[in-house]
Amino acid sequence: MDNPQLSAELTFCEQQQQCLSKIQTSVEGDTKKLQNPYPRGCLPWATWIIARLGGWSGYICQRPPGMPTLVHGLRQFESIFLGWKLALGGLVYTR
């Protein structure tokens, strides 16, 4: 999770990254220890947000998030992203 050289584009499209940016403020805490330490747009930045959505505490001194936490976070993000696209009017249903 700690390689900021990896781009979030490997996993998330630009719209998803915009959504992650909006979510970030709601999953960060008030203290420096509970703020995303990675630069926006890198894969660790996105993974940190997904892990928080999955229930990870966010403290770097604790164990890193495991696969169940990340899977839960991705499911949460999928739901949020769908609602975000609906709110923006960017989702079109076709049969």
PDB file of N, CA and C in Angstrom:
ATOM      1  N   MET A   1       0.822  -1.192   0.000  1.00  0.00           N
ATOM      2  CA  MET A   1       0.000   0.000   0.000  1.00  0.00           C
ATOM      3  C   MET A   1       0.867   1.258   0.000  1.00  0.00           C
ATOM      4  N   ASP A   2       2.159   1.127   0.193  1.00  0.00           N
ATOM      5  CA  ASP A   2       2.991   2.307   0.414  1.00  0.00           C
ATOM      6  C   ASP A   2       3.808   2.781  -0.779  1.00  0.00           C
ATOM      7  N   ASN A   3       3.449   2.448  -1.998  1.00  0.00           N
ATOM      8  CA  ASN A   3       4.239   2.884  -3.146  1.00  0.00           C
ATOM      9  C   ASN A   3       3.528   4.027  -3.865  1.00  0.00           C
ATOM     10  N   PRO A   4       3.830   5.286  -3.489  1.00  0.00           N
ATOM     11  CA  PRO A   4       3.143   6.422  -4.107  1.00  0.00           C
ATOM     12  C   PRO A   4       3.501   6.637  -5.574  1.00  0.00           C
ATOM     13  N   GLN A   5       4.430   5.837  -6.096  1.00  0.00           N
ATOM     14  CA  GLN A   5       4.772   5.930  -7.522  1.00  0.00           C
ATOM     15  C   GLN A   5       3.661   5.318  -8.383  1.00  0.00           C
ATOM     16  N   LEU A   6       2.862   4.431  -7.794  1.00  0.00           N
ATOM     17  CA  LEU A   6       1.781   3.786  -8.545  1.00  0.00           C
ATOM     18  C   LEU A   6       0.593   4.733  -8.658  1.00  0.00           C
ATOM     19  N   SER A   7       0.088   4.889  -9.862  1.00  0.00           N
ATOM     20  CA  SER A   7      -1.029   5.790 -10.106  1.00  0.00           C
ATOM     21  C   SER A   7      -2.360   5.110  -9.778  1.00  0.00           C
ATOM     22  N   ALA A   8      -3.291   5.886  -9.254  1.00  0.00           N
ATOM     23  CA  ALA A   8      -4.635   5.379  -8.993  1.00  0.00           C
ATOM     24  C   ALA A   8      -5.341   4.998 -10.289  1.00  0.00           C
ATOM     25  N   GLU A   9      -4.835   5.515 -11.426  1.00  0.00           N
ATOM     26  CA  GLU A   9      -5.417   5.179 -12.726  1.00  0.00           C
ATOM     27  C   GLU A   9      -5.294   3.693 -13.054  1.00  0.00           C
ATOM     28  N   LEU A  10      -4.426   2.989 -12.352  1.00  0.00           N
ATOM     29  CA  LEU A  10      -4.311   1.547 -12.553  1.00  0.00           C
ATOM     30  C   LEU A  10      -5.602   0.833 -12.187  1.00  0.00           C
ATOM     31  N   THR A  11      -6.361   1.424 -11.281  1.00  0.00           N
ATOM     32  CA  THR A  11      -7.572   0.777 -10.773  1.00  0.00           C
ATOM     33  C   THR A  11      -8.832   1.626 -10.926  1.00  0.00           C
ATOM     34  N   PHE A  12      -8.694   2.939 -10.809  1.00  0.00           N
ATOM     35  CA  PHE A  12      -9.861   3.816 -10.773  1.00  0.00           C
ATOM     36  C   PHE A  12      -9.831   4.817 -11.927  1.00  0.00           C
ATOM     37  N   CYS A  13     -10.983   4.962 -12.610  1.00  0.00           N
ATOM     38  CA  CYS A  13     -11.079   5.951 -13.683  1.00  0.00           C
ATOM     39  C   CYS A  13     -11.112   7.356 -13.072  1.00  0.00           C
ATOM     40  N   GLU A  14     -11.055   8.378 -13.913  1.00  0.00           N
ATOM     41  CA  GLU A  14     -11.016   9.764 -13.439  1.00  0.00           C
ATOM     42  C   GLU A  14     -12.253  10.116 -12.615  1.00  0.00           C
ATOM     43  N   GLN A  15     -13.435   9.673 -13.054  1.00  0.00           N
ATOM     44  CA  GLN A  15     -14.657   9.959 -12.292  1.00  0.00           C
ATOM     45  C   GLN A  15     -14.617   9.308 -10.921  1.00  0.00           C
ATOM     46  N   GLN A  16     -14.112   8.081 -10.846  1.00  0.00           N
ATOM     47  CA  GLN A  16     -14.007   7.399  -9.559  1.00  0.00           C
ATOM     48  C   GLN A  16     -13.027   8.130  -8.643  1.00  0.00           C
ATOM     49  N   GLN A  17     -11.944   8.642  -9.216  1.00  0.00           N
ATOM     50  CA  GLN A  17     -10.977   9.391  -8.415  1.00  0.00           C
ATOM     51  C   GLN A  17     -11.582  10.701  -7.900  1.00  0.00           C
ATOM     52  N   GLN A  18     -12.417  11.324  -8.707  1.00  0.00           N
ATOM     53  CA  GLN A  18     -13.103  12.545  -8.259  1.00  0.00           C
ATOM     54  C   GLN A  18     -14.028  12.217  -7.088  1.00  0.00           C
ATOM     55  N   CYS A  19     -14.733  11.101  -7.203  1.00  0.00           N
ATOM     56  CA  CYS A  19     -15.621  10.659  -6.133  1.00  0.00           C
ATOM     57  C   CYS A  19     -14.817  10.349  -4.867  1.00  0.00           C
ATOM     58  N   LEU A  20     -13.678   9.670  -5.029  1.00  0.00           N
ATOM     59  CA  LEU A  20     -12.817   9.372  -3.888  1.00  0.00           C
ATOM     60  C   LEU A  20     -12.356  10.655  -3.203  1.00  0.00           C
ATOM     61  N   SER A  21     -12.061  11.683  -3.983  1.00  0.00           N
ATOM     62  CA  SER A  21     -11.662  12.975  -3.408  1.00  0.00           C
ATOM     63  C   SER A  21     -12.759  13.556  -2.529  1.00  0.00           C
ATOM     64  N   LYS A  22     -13.996  13.434  -2.981  1.00  0.00           N
ATOM     65  CA  LYS A  22     -15.131  13.944  -2.198  1.00  0.00           C
ATOM     66  C   LYS A  22     -15.316  13.127  -0.926  1.00  0.00           C
ATOM     67  N   ILE A  23     -15.126  11.823  -1.021  1.00  0.00           N
ATOM     68  CA  ILE A  23     -15.298  10.931   0.127  1.00  0.00           C
ATOM     69  C   ILE A  23     -14.204  11.153   1.165  1.00  0.00           C
ATOM     70  N   GLN A  24     -13.016  11.485   0.713  1.00  0.00           N
ATOM     71  CA  GLN A  24     -11.853  11.577   1.592  1.00  0.00           C
ATOM     72  C   GLN A  24     -12.125  12.401   2.851  1.00  0.00           C
ATOM     73  N   THR A  25     -12.747  13.547   2.698  1.00  0.00           N
ATOM     74  CA  THR A  25     -12.981  14.409   3.866  1.00  0.00           C
ATOM     75  C   THR A  25     -13.894  13.751   4.898  1.00  0.00           C
ATOM     76  N   SER A  26     -14.786  12.874   4.451  1.00  0.00           N
ATOM     77  CA  SER A  26     -15.704  12.231   5.395  1.00  0.00           C
ATOM     78  C   SER A  26     -15.073  11.045   6.113  1.00  0.00           C
ATOM     79  N   VAL A  27     -13.991  10.486   5.584  1.00  0.00           N
ATOM     80  CA  VAL A  27     -13.356   9.335   6.245  1.00  0.00           C
ATOM     81  C   VAL A  27     -12.094   9.732   7.013  1.00  0.00           C
ATOM     82  N   GLU A  28     -11.645  10.972   6.833  1.00  0.00           N
ATOM     83  CA  GLU A  28     -10.495  11.445   7.584  1.00  0.00           C
ATOM     84  C   GLU A  28     -10.947  11.932   8.958  1.00  0.00           C
ATOM     85  N   GLY A  29     -10.030  11.848   9.914  1.00  0.00           N
ATOM     86  CA  GLY A  29     -10.300  12.357  11.244  1.00  0.00           C
ATOM     87  C   GLY A  29      -9.803  13.786  11.401  1.00  0.00           C
ATOM     88  N   ASP A  30      -9.966  14.308  12.597  1.00  0.00           N
ATOM     89  CA  ASP A  30      -9.552  15.689  12.878  1.00  0.00           C
ATOM     90  C   ASP A  30      -8.053  15.814  13.112  1.00  0.00           C
ATOM     91  N   THR A  31      -7.431  14.733  13.560  1.00  0.00           N
ATOM     92  CA  THR A  31      -6.007  14.789  13.879  1.00  0.00           C
ATOM     93  C   THR A  31      -5.158  14.398  12.675  1.00  0.00           C
ATOM     94  N   LYS A  32      -3.898  14.800  12.702  1.00  0.00           N
ATOM     95  CA  LYS A  32      -2.954  14.486  11.629  1.00  0.00           C
ATOM     96  C   LYS A  32      -2.808  12.976  11.441  1.00  0.00           C
ATOM     97  N   LYS A  33      -2.893  12.221  12.540  1.00  0.00           N
ATOM     98  CA  LYS A  33      -2.736  10.764  12.485  1.00  0.00           C
ATOM     99  C   LYS A  33      -3.871  10.085  11.721  1.00  0.00           C
ATOM    100  N   LEU A  34      -5.003  10.744  11.632  1.00  0.00           N
ATOM    101  CA  LEU A  34      -6.158  10.155  10.939  1.00  0.00           C
ATOM    102  C   LEU A  34      -6.453  10.830   9.613  1.00  0.00           C
ATOM    103  N   GLN A  35      -5.413  11.415   9.005  1.00  0.00           N
ATOM    104  CA  GLN A  35      -5.575  11.997   7.680  1.00  0.00           C
ATOM    105  C   GLN A  35      -4.767  11.190   6.679  1.00  0.00           C
ATOM    106  N   ASN A  36      -5.267  11.137   5.475  1.00  0.00           N
ATOM    107  CA  ASN A  36      -4.619  10.366   4.420  1.00  0.00           C
ATOM    108  C   ASN A  36      -3.212  10.919   4.183  1.00  0.00           C
ATOM    109  N   PRO A  37      -2.172  10.093   4.407  1.00  0.00           N
ATOM    110  CA  PRO A  37      -0.806  10.599   4.285  1.00  0.00           C
ATOM    111  C   PRO A  37      -0.248  10.591   2.855  1.00  0.00           C
ATOM    112  N   TYR A  38      -1.026  10.106   1.906  1.00  0.00           N
ATOM    113  CA  TYR A  38      -0.533   9.933   0.543  1.00  0.00           C
ATOM    114  C   TYR A  38      -1.016  11.049  -0.372  1.00  0.00           C
ATOM    115  N   PRO A  39      -0.228  11.378  -1.399  1.00  0.00           N
ATOM    116  CA  PRO A  39      -0.645  12.419  -2.338  1.00  0.00           C
ATOM    117  C   PRO A  39      -1.830  11.960  -3.201  1.00  0.00           C
ATOM    118  N   ARG A  40      -2.724  12.896  -3.489  1.00  0.00           N
ATOM    119  CA  ARG A  40      -3.897  12.591  -4.308  1.00  0.00           C
ATOM    120  C   ARG A  40      -3.452  12.043  -5.664  1.00  0.00           C
ATOM    121  N   GLY A  41      -4.173  11.021  -6.106  1.00  0.00           N
ATOM    122  CA  GLY A  41      -3.924  10.463  -7.430  1.00  0.00           C
ATOM    123  C   GLY A  41      -3.027   9.242  -7.444  1.00  0.00           C
ATOM    124  N   CYS A  42      -2.425   8.913  -6.304  1.00  0.00           N
ATOM    125  CA  CYS A  42      -1.610   7.691  -6.288  1.00  0.00           C
ATOM    126  C   CYS A  42      -2.455   6.543  -5.725  1.00  0.00           C
ATOM    127  N   LEU A  43      -2.064   5.330  -6.047  1.00  0.00           N
ATOM    128  CA  LEU A  43      -2.833   4.158  -5.630  1.00  0.00           C
ATOM    129  C   LEU A  43      -2.920   4.016  -4.105  1.00  0.00           C
ATOM    130  N   PRO A  44      -1.845   4.272  -3.357  1.00  0.00           N
ATOM    131  CA  PRO A  44      -1.982   4.210  -1.898  1.00  0.00           C
ATOM    132  C   PRO A  44      -3.004   5.200  -1.343  1.00  0.00           C
ATOM    133  N   TRP A  45      -3.112   6.382  -1.957  1.00  0.00           N
ATOM    134  CA  TRP A  45      -4.123   7.368  -1.554  1.00  0.00           C
ATOM    135  C   TRP A  45      -5.526   6.774  -1.682  1.00  0.00           C
ATOM    136  N   ALA A  46      -5.805   6.166  -2.832  1.00  0.00           N
ATOM    137  CA  ALA A  46      -7.120   5.559  -3.063  1.00  0.00           C
ATOM    138  C   ALA A  46      -7.343   4.361  -2.144  1.00  0.00           C
ATOM    139  N   THR A  47      -6.311   3.548  -1.960  1.00  0.00           N
ATOM    140  CA  THR A  47      -6.428   2.363  -1.105  1.00  0.00           C
ATOM    141  C   THR A  47      -6.708   2.767   0.334  1.00  0.00           C
ATOM    142  N   TRP A  48      -6.087   3.844   0.800  1.00  0.00           N
ATOM    143  CA  TRP A  48      -6.325   4.333   2.156  1.00  0.00           C
ATOM    144  C   TRP A  48      -7.802   4.687   2.343  1.00  0.00           C
ATOM    145  N   ILE A  49      -8.384   5.358   1.374  1.00  0.00           N
ATOM    146  CA  ILE A  49      -9.804   5.748   1.449  1.00  0.00           C
ATOM    147  C   ILE A  49     -10.691   4.509   1.419  1.00  0.00           C
ATOM    148  N   ILE A  50     -10.391   3.575   0.520  1.00  0.00           N
ATOM    149  CA  ILE A  50     -11.174   2.337   0.423  1.00  0.00           C
ATOM    150  C   ILE A  50     -11.097   1.571   1.738  1.00  0.00           C
ATOM    151  N   ALA A  51      -9.904   1.499   2.323  1.00  0.00           N
ATOM    152  CA  ALA A  51      -9.739   0.793   3.594  1.00  0.00           C
ATOM    153  C   ALA A  51     -10.563   1.445   4.702  1.00  0.00           C
ATOM    154  N   ARG A  52     -10.587   2.760   4.737  1.00  0.00           N
ATOM    155  CA  ARG A  52     -11.404   3.464   5.741  1.00  0.00           C
ATOM    156  C   ARG A  52     -12.886   3.158   5.537  1.00  0.00           C
ATOM    157  N   LEU A  53     -13.327   3.118   4.281  1.00  0.00           N
ATOM    158  CA  LEU A  53     -14.724   2.765   4.004  1.00  0.00           C
ATOM    159  C   LEU A  53     -15.030   1.346   4.467  1.00  0.00           C
ATOM    160  N   GLY A  54     -14.009   0.489   4.450  1.00  0.00           N
ATOM    161  CA  GLY A  54     -14.177  -0.899   4.868  1.00  0.00           C
ATOM    162  C   GLY A  54     -14.105  -1.117   6.365  1.00  0.00           C
ATOM    163  N   GLY A  55     -13.826  -0.052   7.106  1.00  0.00           N
ATOM    164  CA  GLY A  55     -13.820  -0.166   8.551  1.00  0.00           C
ATOM    165  C   GLY A  55     -12.449  -0.131   9.202  1.00  0.00           C
ATOM    166  N   TRP A  56     -11.395   0.074   8.423  1.00  0.00           N
ATOM    167  CA  TRP A  56     -10.049   0.159   8.973  1.00  0.00           C
ATOM    168  C   TRP A  56      -9.926   1.419   9.816  1.00  0.00           C
ATOM    169  N   SER A  57      -9.184   1.337  10.909  1.00  0.00           N
ATOM    170  CA  SER A  57      -9.074   2.462  11.849  1.00  0.00           C
ATOM    171  C   SER A  57      -8.361   3.665  11.260  1.00  0.00           C
ATOM    172  N   GLY A  58      -7.422   3.444  10.346  1.00  0.00           N
ATOM    173  CA  GLY A  58      -6.709   4.554   9.736  1.00  0.00           C
ATOM    174  C   GLY A  58      -5.384   4.880  10.387  1.00  0.00           C
ATOM    175  N   TYR A  59      -5.111   4.275  11.530  1.00  0.00           N
ATOM    176  CA  TYR A  59      -3.841   4.529  12.201  1.00  0.00           C
ATOM    177  C   TYR A  59      -2.730   3.727  11.546  1.00  0.00           C
ATOM    178  N   ILE A  60      -1.697   4.409  11.087  1.00  0.00           N
ATOM    179  CA  ILE A  60      -0.565   3.773  10.426  1.00  0.00           C
ATOM    180  C   ILE A  60       0.159   2.822  11.379  1.00  0.00           C
ATOM    181  N   CYS A  61       0.156   3.130  12.676  1.00  0.00           N
ATOM    182  CA  CYS A  61       0.867   2.296  13.645  1.00  0.00           C
ATOM    183  C   CYS A  61       0.189   0.943  13.854  1.00  0.00           C
ATOM    184  N   GLN A  62      -1.046   0.781  13.417  1.00  0.00           N
ATOM    185  CA  GLN A  62      -1.741  -0.492  13.543  1.00  0.00           C
ATOM    186  C   GLN A  62      -1.541  -1.319  12.285  1.00  0.00           C
ATOM    187  N   ARG A  63      -2.018  -2.547  12.338  1.00  0.00           N
ATOM    188  CA  ARG A  63      -1.877  -3.432  11.186  1.00  0.00           C
ATOM    189  C   ARG A  63      -2.508  -2.804   9.954  1.00  0.00           C
ATOM    190  N   PRO A  64      -1.898  -3.056   8.794  1.00  0.00           N
ATOM    191  CA  PRO A  64      -2.525  -2.562   7.562  1.00  0.00           C
ATOM    192  C   PRO A  64      -3.839  -3.295   7.317  1.00  0.00           C
ATOM    193  N   PRO A  65      -4.713  -2.709   6.526  1.00  0.00           N
ATOM    194  CA  PRO A  65      -5.999  -3.365   6.268  1.00  0.00           C
ATOM    195  C   PRO A  65      -5.800  -4.662   5.504  1.00  0.00           C
ATOM    196  N   GLY A  66      -6.611  -5.649   5.824  1.00  0.00           N
ATOM    197  CA  GLY A  66      -6.555  -6.936   5.140  1.00  0.00           C
ATOM    198  C   GLY A  66      -7.526  -6.988   3.973  1.00  0.00           C
ATOM    199  N   MET A  67      -7.498  -8.099   3.278  1.00  0.00           N
ATOM    200  CA  MET A  67      -8.367  -8.267   2.109  1.00  0.00           C
ATOM    201  C   MET A  67      -9.849  -8.146   2.445  1.00  0.00           C
ATOM    202  N   PRO A  68     -10.344  -8.756   3.545  1.00  0.00           N
ATOM    203  CA  PRO A  68     -11.778  -8.592   3.845  1.00  0.00           C
ATOM    204  C   PRO A  68     -12.171  -7.126   4.034  1.00  0.00           C
ATOM    205  N   THR A  69     -11.301  -6.341   4.665  1.00  0.00           N
ATOM    206  CA  THR A  69     -11.581  -4.918   4.870  1.00  0.00           C
ATOM    207  C   THR A  69     -11.609  -4.184   3.536  1.00  0.00           C
ATOM    208  N   LEU A  70     -10.643  -4.489   2.673  1.00  0.00           N
ATOM    209  CA  LEU A  70     -10.595  -3.825   1.367  1.00  0.00           C
ATOM    210  C   LEU A  70     -11.783  -4.221   0.489  1.00  0.00           C
ATOM    211  N   VAL A  71     -12.173  -5.490   0.531  1.00  0.00           N
ATOM    212  CA  VAL A  71     -13.339  -5.938  -0.249  1.00  0.00           C
ATOM    213  C   VAL A  71     -14.597  -5.231   0.239  1.00  0.00           C
ATOM    214  N   HIS A  72     -14.747  -5.151   1.562  1.00  0.00           N
ATOM    215  CA  HIS A  72     -15.910  -4.446   2.121  1.00  0.00           C
ATOM    216  C   HIS A  72     -15.888  -2.973   1.710  1.00  0.00           C
ATOM    217  N   GLY A  73     -14.714  -2.366   1.750  1.00  0.00           N
ATOM    218  CA  GLY A  73     -14.573  -0.971   1.345  1.00  0.00           C
ATOM    219  C   GLY A  73     -14.898  -0.752  -0.119  1.00  0.00           C
ATOM    220  N   LEU A  74     -14.468  -1.677  -0.968  1.00  0.00           N
ATOM    221  CA  LEU A  74     -14.784  -1.565  -2.402  1.00  0.00           C
ATOM    222  C   LEU A  74     -16.279  -1.687  -2.649  1.00  0.00           C
ATOM    223  N   ARG A  75     -16.931  -2.571  -1.911  1.00  0.00           N
ATOM    224  CA  ARG A  75     -18.399  -2.690  -2.058  1.00  0.00           C
ATOM    225  C   ARG A  75     -19.090  -1.400  -1.624  1.00  0.00           C
ATOM    226  N   GLN A  76     -18.613  -0.832  -0.528  1.00  0.00           N
ATOM    227  CA  GLN A  76     -19.167   0.443  -0.070  1.00  0.00           C
ATOM    228  C   GLN A  76     -18.946   1.526  -1.131  1.00  0.00           C
ATOM    229  N   PHE A  77     -17.732   1.547  -1.672  1.00  0.00           N
ATOM    230  CA  PHE A  77     -17.414   2.557  -2.676  1.00  0.00           C
ATOM    231  C   PHE A  77     -18.272   2.387  -3.927  1.00  0.00           C
ATOM    232  N   GLU A  78     -18.497   1.158  -4.361  1.00  0.00           N
ATOM    233  CA  GLU A  78     -19.342   0.922  -5.541  1.00  0.00           C
ATOM    234  C   GLU A  78     -20.719   1.522  -5.339  1.00  0.00           C
ATOM    235  N   SER A  79     -21.289   1.338  -4.160  1.00  0.00           N
ATOM    236  CA  SER A  79     -22.610   1.895  -3.875  1.00  0.00           C
ATOM    237  C   SER A  79     -22.581   3.423  -3.856  1.00  0.00           C
ATOM    238  N   ILE A  80     -21.558   3.971  -3.208  1.00  0.00           N
ATOM    239  CA  ILE A  80     -21.428   5.428  -3.147  1.00  0.00           C
ATOM    240  C   ILE A  80     -21.237   6.003  -4.549  1.00  0.00           C
ATOM    241  N   PHE A  81     -20.389   5.364  -5.334  1.00  0.00           N
ATOM    242  CA  PHE A  81     -20.103   5.852  -6.676  1.00  0.00           C
ATOM    243  C   PHE A  81     -21.349   5.804  -7.560  1.00  0.00           C
ATOM    244  N   LEU A  82     -22.133   4.758  -7.439  1.00  0.00           N
ATOM    245  CA  LEU A  82     -23.381   4.656  -8.204  1.00  0.00           C
ATOM    246  C   LEU A  82     -24.312   5.809  -7.833  1.00  0.00           C
ATOM    247  N   GLY A  83     -24.463   6.074  -6.537  1.00  0.00           N
ATOM    248  CA  GLY A  83     -25.303   7.190  -6.099  1.00  0.00           C
ATOM    249  C   GLY A  83     -24.764   8.526  -6.559  1.00  0.00           C
ATOM    250  N   TRP A  84     -23.434   8.665  -6.540  1.00  0.00           N
ATOM    251  CA  TRP A  84     -22.783   9.900  -6.972  1.00  0.00           C
ATOM    252  C   TRP A  84     -23.060  10.147  -8.452  1.00  0.00           C
ATOM    253  N   LYS A  85     -22.949   9.085  -9.262  1.00  0.00           N
ATOM    254  CA  LYS A  85     -23.225   9.230 -10.697  1.00  0.00           C
ATOM    255  C   LYS A  85     -24.697   9.544 -10.945  1.00  0.00           C
ATOM    256  N   LEU A  86     -25.576   8.910 -10.175  1.00  0.00           N
ATOM    257  CA  LEU A  86     -27.002   9.210 -10.315  1.00  0.00           C
ATOM    258  C   LEU A  86     -27.280  10.672  -9.984  1.00  0.00           C
ATOM    259  N   ALA A  87     -26.659  11.171  -8.921  1.00  0.00           N
ATOM    260  CA  ALA A  87     -26.872  12.557  -8.509  1.00  0.00           C
ATOM    261  C   ALA A  87     -26.367  13.540  -9.562  1.00  0.00           C
ATOM    262  N   LEU A  88     -25.297  13.174 -10.234  1.00  0.00           N
ATOM    263  CA  LEU A  88     -24.744  14.043 -11.280  1.00  0.00           C
ATOM    264  C   LEU A  88     -25.466  13.886 -12.614  1.00  0.00           C
ATOM    265  N   GLY A  89     -26.353  12.905 -12.689  1.00  0.00           N
ATOM    266  CA  GLY A  89     -27.082  12.672 -13.929  1.00  0.00           C
ATOM    267  C   GLY A  89     -26.245  11.980 -14.985  1.00  0.00           C
ATOM    268  N   GLY A  90     -25.168  11.344 -14.569  1.00  0.00           N
ATOM    269  CA  GLY A  90     -24.267  10.701 -15.531  1.00  0.00           C
ATOM    270  C   GLY A  90     -24.501   9.223 -15.732  1.00  0.00           C
ATOM    271  N   LEU A  91     -25.557   8.696 -15.138  1.00  0.00           N
ATOM    272  CA  LEU A  91     -25.818   7.272 -15.269  1.00  0.00           C
ATOM    273  C   LEU A  91     -27.070   7.088 -16.130  1.00  0.00           C
ATOM    274  N   VAL A  92     -26.923   6.315 -17.164  1.00  0.00           N
ATOM    275  CA  VAL A  92     -28.039   6.076 -18.079  1.00  0.00           C
ATOM    276  C   VAL A  92     -28.315   4.579 -18.095  1.00  0.00           C
ATOM    277  N   TYR A  93     -29.541   4.217 -17.848  1.00  0.00           N
ATOM    278  CA  TYR A  93     -29.949   2.819 -17.843  1.00  0.00           C
ATOM    279  C   TYR A  93     -30.400   2.432 -19.249  1.00  0.00           C
ATOM    280  N   THR A  94     -29.841   1.373 -19.753  1.00  0.00           N
ATOM    281  CA  THR A  94     -30.263   0.855 -21.075  1.00  0.00           C
ATOM    282  C   THR A  94     -30.632  -0.599 -20.929  1.00  0.00           C
ATOM    283  N   ARG A  95     -31.574  -1.018 -21.715  1.00  0.00           N
ATOM    284  CA  ARG A  95     -31.998  -2.426 -21.685  1.00  0.00           C
ATOM    285  C   ARG A  95     -31.307  -3.191 -22.754  1.00  0.00           C
TER     286      ARG A  95
END
